Each structure stands twice: as C-alpha cells, then as structure tokens.
Protein backbone atom coordinates (compact mmCIF):
# COMPACT_ATOMS: atom_id res chain seq x y z
CA MET A 1 0.00 0.00 0.00
CA ASN A 2 1.24 3.49 -0.66
CA LYS A 3 2.14 5.94 2.07
CA SER A 4 -1.16 7.81 1.88
CA VAL A 5 -3.94 7.04 4.32
CA PHE A 6 -7.02 5.41 2.85
CA THR A 7 -10.29 7.22 3.58
CA TRP A 8 -13.67 7.72 1.93
CA PRO A 9 -16.45 10.32 1.98
CA GLY A 10 -17.93 10.12 5.47
CA TYR A 11 -14.84 8.58 7.05
CA GLU A 12 -14.47 9.45 10.73
CA GLN A 13 -11.02 9.07 12.23
CA ASP A 14 -12.33 8.34 15.73
CA ASP A 15 -14.85 5.68 14.64
CA LEU A 16 -13.58 2.21 15.52
CA ALA A 17 -15.90 0.65 12.93
CA HIS A 18 -14.17 2.72 10.25
CA HIS A 19 -10.81 1.40 11.43
CA ARG A 20 -12.18 -2.15 11.14
CA ILE A 21 -13.31 -1.45 7.56
CA ILE A 22 -9.81 -0.28 6.62
CA ALA A 23 -8.25 -3.31 8.31
CA TYR A 24 -10.66 -5.66 6.52
CA LEU A 25 -10.05 -4.16 3.11
CA THR A 26 -6.29 -4.07 3.62
CA MET A 27 -5.90 -7.59 5.00
CA ASP A 28 -8.64 -9.58 3.29
CA ILE A 29 -9.58 -7.83 0.05
CA GLN A 30 -6.12 -6.39 -0.55
CA LYS A 31 -5.56 -4.68 -3.88
CA SER A 32 -7.45 -7.29 -5.84
CA PRO A 33 -9.80 -5.76 -8.43
CA ALA A 34 -11.58 -9.13 -8.75
CA TRP A 35 -12.20 -9.49 -5.00
CA THR A 36 -13.34 -5.88 -4.79
CA ALA A 37 -15.76 -6.36 -7.69
CA GLU A 38 -17.12 -9.55 -6.09
CA LEU A 39 -17.61 -7.70 -2.82
CA LEU A 40 -19.48 -4.84 -4.52
CA GLN A 41 -21.67 -7.30 -6.43
CA ASN A 42 -22.70 -9.02 -3.20
CA ILE A 43 -23.28 -5.75 -1.35
CA HIS A 44 -25.65 -4.61 -4.11
CA ALA A 45 -27.38 -8.01 -4.16
CA ALA A 46 -27.98 -7.85 -0.41
CA MET A 47 -29.18 -4.24 -0.54
CA SER A 48 -31.67 -5.08 -3.30
CA GLY A 49 -32.98 -8.12 -1.46
CA THR A 50 -31.76 -10.52 -4.15
CA LEU A 51 -29.35 -12.03 -1.66
CA PRO A 52 -30.58 -12.27 1.95
CA PHE A 53 -27.14 -12.95 3.39
CA TRP A 54 -23.54 -13.42 2.23
CA GLU A 55 -20.48 -14.51 4.15
CA ARG A 56 -16.82 -14.22 3.17
CA PRO A 57 -14.13 -15.76 5.37
CA GLY A 58 -10.76 -14.14 4.89
CA ASN A 59 -7.19 -14.04 6.14
CA ALA A 60 -7.89 -12.13 9.34
CA TYR A 61 -11.62 -11.35 9.33
CA CYS A 62 -14.95 -12.87 8.43
CA LEU A 63 -17.43 -10.59 6.67
CA TYR A 64 -21.20 -11.01 6.95
CA ILE A 65 -23.38 -8.95 4.62
CA TYR A 66 -27.08 -8.38 5.37
CA PRO A 67 -29.55 -6.09 3.56
CA ASP A 68 -29.08 -3.21 6.02
CA HIS A 69 -25.68 -3.78 7.63
CA VAL A 70 -22.44 -5.71 7.56
CA GLU A 71 -20.59 -7.35 10.39
CA ILE A 72 -16.83 -7.77 10.37
CA GLU A 73 -15.57 -10.36 12.80
CA ASP A 74 -11.94 -10.39 13.87
CA ASP A 75 -10.89 -14.03 13.64
CA TYR A 76 -7.81 -13.62 15.81
CA SER A 77 -8.83 -11.24 18.56
CA ASP A 78 -9.13 -12.31 22.17
CA ALA A 79 -11.51 -9.43 22.85
CA THR A 80 -15.05 -10.29 23.87
CA GLU A 81 -16.52 -7.98 21.21
CA GLN A 82 -15.11 -9.45 18.01
CA LYS A 83 -17.88 -8.43 15.60
CA VAL A 84 -18.33 -4.85 14.53
CA ARG A 85 -21.71 -3.91 13.05
CA ILE A 86 -21.61 -1.27 10.29
CA PRO A 87 -24.44 0.33 8.27
CA ILE A 88 -24.28 -1.10 4.76
CA GLU A 89 -24.22 2.37 3.18
CA THR A 90 -21.05 3.20 5.10
CA PHE A 91 -19.41 -0.03 4.05
CA LEU A 92 -20.49 0.46 0.44
CA ALA A 93 -18.96 3.96 0.34
CA ALA A 94 -15.68 2.57 1.68
CA VAL A 95 -15.56 -0.29 -0.83
CA ILE A 96 -16.30 2.05 -3.75
CA ALA A 97 -13.45 4.32 -2.60
CA TRP A 98 -11.21 1.25 -2.22
CA GLN A 99 -12.01 0.22 -5.80
CA GLN A 100 -11.23 3.73 -7.05
CA MET A 101 -7.93 3.77 -5.15
CA ILE A 102 -6.91 0.41 -6.66
CA ALA A 103 -7.82 1.60 -10.17
CA ALA A 104 -5.86 4.85 -9.71
CA GLU A 105 -2.79 2.98 -8.45
CA CYS A 106 -2.95 0.51 -11.37
CA LYS A 107 -3.21 3.40 -13.79
CA SER A 108 -0.25 5.27 -12.26
CA ASN A 109 1.85 2.07 -12.19
CA LYS A 110 1.33 1.64 -15.95
CA LYS A 111 2.89 5.04 -16.69
C-alpha cells in the first residue's frame, strides 16, 4: 500500500468501525480488483434483497453482509466484542473508494 492514508467520503477518524473497515479491506480484500468487484456485487445483491445474506471468510476477518448492515468479525482477537456492526451504506462507500484507489494505483503504475 502506498504511504497515503485510505479514507472515503464520510470517514471518521475516531470511529472504531471505520478502522475495522480499513483493516478488513487491507488484509482480506487487498488490492485485488476481482475481489473488490465480487464484494461490490454481493453488497448490491444484499441491498436489493436478491441475496438475503452473504459470508466471506478471509485471512484475518470474516465478513457477513445483510440487507441493512455488515458485520466484520476479527478471527484472531481475544476481545469479547469481536464483531463490529456497520451500516451497509457506510461499508459500500468505503468499498467504492477502495475500488477507485486500486484503479488509480494501477493506472499510475502503468505510466
């Protein structure tokens, strides 16, 4: 990842859920355009009601997508509160920004 800090419209530095989103995208989605596209497809399917639920186990987290929220569970934490519940609109905005960041980095690397 480059030296810049990843954020998105609506990002709040003091929101622990926003930190979990960044950690999830960084560790489990990484800079994979295919994984990001799959994630967006399933978010939209859940939001539309086409998909009632979707789960994606990853390297460090497990993601659960529901029509109105997502939950990101830390697979390796000893803390009692491992799942973080996030409004789906917030998560969607972050994933769209992640996709844009990946695309911009790919484009600049081709120069």
